[in-house]
C-alpha atoms as a PDB file:
ATOM      1  CA  MET A   1       0.000   0.000   0.000  1.00  0.00           C
ATOM      2  CA  LYS A   2       1.245   3.462  -0.899  1.00  0.00           C
ATOM      3  CA  LYS A   3       0.316   6.611   1.027  1.00  0.00           C
ATOM      4  CA  ALA A   4      -1.583   9.061  -1.157  1.00  0.00           C
ATOM      5  CA  ILE A   5      -3.974  12.010  -1.310  1.00  0.00           C
ATOM      6  CA  ILE A   6      -7.174  12.065  -3.331  1.00  0.00           C
ATOM      7  CA  TYR A   7      -8.412  15.376  -4.706  1.00  0.00           C
ATOM      8  CA  TRP A   8     -12.079  14.828  -5.576  1.00  0.00           C
ATOM      9  CA  PHE A   9     -13.495  16.723  -8.549  1.00  0.00           C
ATOM     10  CA  SER A  10     -16.601  18.744  -7.678  1.00  0.00           C
ATOM     11  CA  GLU A  11     -19.999  17.978  -9.142  1.00  0.00           C
ATOM     12  CA  ALA A  12     -19.614  21.092 -11.352  1.00  0.00           C
ATOM     13  CA  GLU A  13     -16.387  19.546 -12.739  1.00  0.00           C
ATOM     14  CA  GLY A  14     -18.208  16.283 -13.535  1.00  0.00           C
ATOM     15  CA  GLY A  15     -17.169  14.635 -10.259  1.00  0.00           C
ATOM     16  CA  ARG A  16     -18.928  13.842  -6.997  1.00  0.00           C
ATOM     17  CA  LYS A  17     -21.332  15.795  -4.786  1.00  0.00           C
ATOM     18  CA  ALA A  18     -19.322  14.648  -1.752  1.00  0.00           C
ATOM     19  CA  ARG A  19     -16.384  12.392  -1.036  1.00  0.00           C
ATOM     20  CA  PRO A  20     -17.160   8.738  -0.241  1.00  0.00           C
ATOM     21  CA  THR A  21     -17.913   7.724   3.324  1.00  0.00           C
ATOM     22  CA  GLY A  22     -16.555   4.596   4.950  1.00  0.00           C
ATOM     23  CA  THR A  23     -13.012   3.320   5.169  1.00  0.00           C
ATOM     24  CA  GLU A  24     -12.550   1.334   1.925  1.00  0.00           C
ATOM     25  CA  TYR A  25     -13.190   2.182  -1.701  1.00  0.00           C
ATOM     26  CA  HIS A  26     -12.565   0.202  -4.880  1.00  0.00           C
ATOM     27  CA  LEU A  27     -12.224   2.113  -8.121  1.00  0.00           C
ATOM     28  CA  THR A  28     -10.660   2.158 -11.548  1.00  0.00           C
ATOM     29  CA  THR A  29      -8.054   4.374 -13.139  1.00  0.00           C
ATOM     30  CA  GLU A  30      -7.166   4.942 -16.756  1.00  0.00           C
ATOM     31  CA  ILE A  31      -3.604   4.109 -17.667  1.00  0.00           C
ATOM     32  CA  LEU A  32      -2.509   6.374 -20.482  1.00  0.00           C
ATOM     33  CA  GLU A  33      -0.075   3.729 -21.740  1.00  0.00           C
ATOM     34  CA  GLY A  34      -2.378   1.902 -24.141  1.00  0.00           C
ATOM     35  CA  GLY A  35      -5.643   3.253 -22.692  1.00  0.00           C
ATOM     36  CA  ASN A  36      -6.051   0.358 -20.252  1.00  0.00           C
ATOM     37  CA  ILE A  37      -8.204   0.526 -17.132  1.00  0.00           C
ATOM     38  CA  VAL A  38      -6.799  -0.857 -13.866  1.00  0.00           C
ATOM     39  CA  SER A  39      -8.574  -1.501 -10.552  1.00  0.00           C
ATOM     40  CA  LEU A  40      -7.362   0.097  -7.326  1.00  0.00           C
ATOM     41  CA  SER A  41      -8.130  -0.524  -3.677  1.00  0.00           C
ATOM     42  CA  ILE A  42      -8.151   2.498  -1.353  1.00  0.00           C
ATOM     43  CA  LYS A  43      -8.216   2.608   2.448  1.00  0.00           C
ATOM     44  CA  PHE A  44      -9.097   6.038   3.789  1.00  0.00           C
ATOM     45  CA  ASP A  45      -7.314   7.509   6.806  1.00  0.00           C
ATOM     46  CA  ARG A  46     -10.394   8.618   8.739  1.00  0.00           C
ATOM     47  CA  ALA A  47      -8.303   9.145  11.916  1.00  0.00           C
ATOM     48  CA  ASN A  48      -6.533  12.093  10.235  1.00  0.00           C
ATOM     49  CA  PRO A  49      -9.154  13.847   8.107  1.00  0.00           C
ATOM     50  CA  THR A  50      -8.306  16.891   6.030  1.00  0.00           C
ATOM     51  CA  GLN A  51      -9.998  20.234   6.572  1.00  0.00           C
ATOM     52  CA  ASN A  52     -11.118  20.302   2.939  1.00  0.00           C
ATOM     53  CA  LYS A  53     -14.279  18.268   2.323  1.00  0.00           C
ATOM     54  CA  MET A  54     -13.079  17.261  -1.159  1.00  0.00           C
ATOM     55  CA  ILE A  55      -9.639  15.893  -0.176  1.00  0.00           C
ATOM     56  CA  ASP A  56      -8.873  12.531   1.462  1.00  0.00           C
ATOM     57  CA  ASN A  57      -5.705  11.060   2.945  1.00  0.00           C
ATOM     58  CA  CYS A  58      -5.457   7.380   2.059  1.00  0.00           C
ATOM     59  CA  GLU A  59      -3.364   4.360   1.163  1.00  0.00           C
ATOM     60  CA  GLY A  60      -3.799   2.589  -2.131  1.00  0.00           C
ATOM     61  CA  CYS A  61      -2.637  -0.337  -4.212  1.00  0.00           C
ATOM     62  CA  PHE A  62      -3.549  -2.101  -7.415  1.00  0.00           C
ATOM     63  CA  LEU A  63      -5.807  -5.121  -6.967  1.00  0.00           C
ATOM     64  CA  PHE A  64      -3.733  -7.370  -9.232  1.00  0.00           C
ATOM     65  CA  ASP A  65      -0.048  -8.292  -9.116  1.00  0.00           C
ATOM     66  CA  HIS A  66       0.316  -7.951 -12.899  1.00  0.00           C
ATOM     67  CA  ALA A  67      -0.787  -4.296 -12.783  1.00  0.00           C
ATOM     68  CA  PRO A  68       1.829  -1.647 -13.713  1.00  0.00           C
ATOM     69  CA  GLN A  69       3.265  -1.198 -10.194  1.00  0.00           C
ATOM     70  CA  HIS A  70       5.802   1.378 -11.428  1.00  0.00           C
ATOM     71  CA  LEU A  71       2.897   3.834 -11.760  1.00  0.00           C
ATOM     72  CA  LEU A  72       2.647   4.023  -7.960  1.00  0.00           C
ATOM     73  CA  SER A  73       5.989   5.779  -7.486  1.00  0.00           C
ATOM     74  CA  SER A  74       6.355   9.006  -5.464  1.00  0.00           C
ATOM     75  CA  ASN A  75       4.523  12.015  -6.924  1.00  0.00           C
ATOM     76  CA  ALA A  76       2.698   9.845  -9.479  1.00  0.00           C
ATOM     77  CA  LYS A  77      -0.774  11.087 -10.411  1.00  0.00           C
ATOM     78  CA  LEU A  78      -3.675   8.840 -11.419  1.00  0.00           C
ATOM     79  CA  ILE A  79      -7.171   9.854 -12.505  1.00  0.00           C
ATOM     80  CA  ILE A  80      -9.918   8.121 -10.516  1.00  0.00           C
ATOM     81  CA  CYS A  81     -12.914   6.892 -12.481  1.00  0.00           C
ATOM     82  CA  GLU A  82     -16.380   5.746 -11.484  1.00  0.00           C
ATOM     83  CA  GLY A  83     -17.626   4.087 -14.632  1.00  0.00           C
ATOM     84  CA  PRO A  84     -17.095   6.564 -17.482  1.00  0.00           C
ATOM     85  CA  HIS A  85     -16.867   9.548 -15.107  1.00  0.00           C
ATOM     86  CA  LYS A  86     -13.564  11.026 -13.960  1.00  0.00           C
ATOM     87  CA  VAL A  87     -14.211  11.923 -10.322  1.00  0.00           C
ATOM     88  CA  GLY A  88     -10.807  12.672  -8.816  1.00  0.00           C
ATOM     89  CA  LYS A  89      -7.021  12.631  -8.909  1.00  0.00           C
ATOM     90  CA  LEU A  90      -4.892  10.354  -6.711  1.00  0.00           C
ATOM     91  CA  VAL A  91      -1.384  11.646  -5.930  1.00  0.00           C
ATOM     92  CA  ILE A  92       1.135   9.227  -4.425  1.00  0.00           C
ATOM     93  CA  LYS A  93       3.185  10.698  -1.553  1.00  0.00           C
END
């Protein structure tokens, strides 16, 4: 698991009305190399919430070993998708 921050896109930007509740979240991300979609697992850090209602501290990893692990290096940015909608940006710490 890699420590990360999620910046949720607002509803006006085509994103969410509010960030997800709960402690776990499973999502997809588009990989620009070849246009593939890869599944991610996120665990939110609810013990250390941010002051901004559209930002979450978290840890994340790909769900499959054969996923492009090199994309989870420091400062990497991944777009979070819910179906066809781009709802946020994950930045690896």
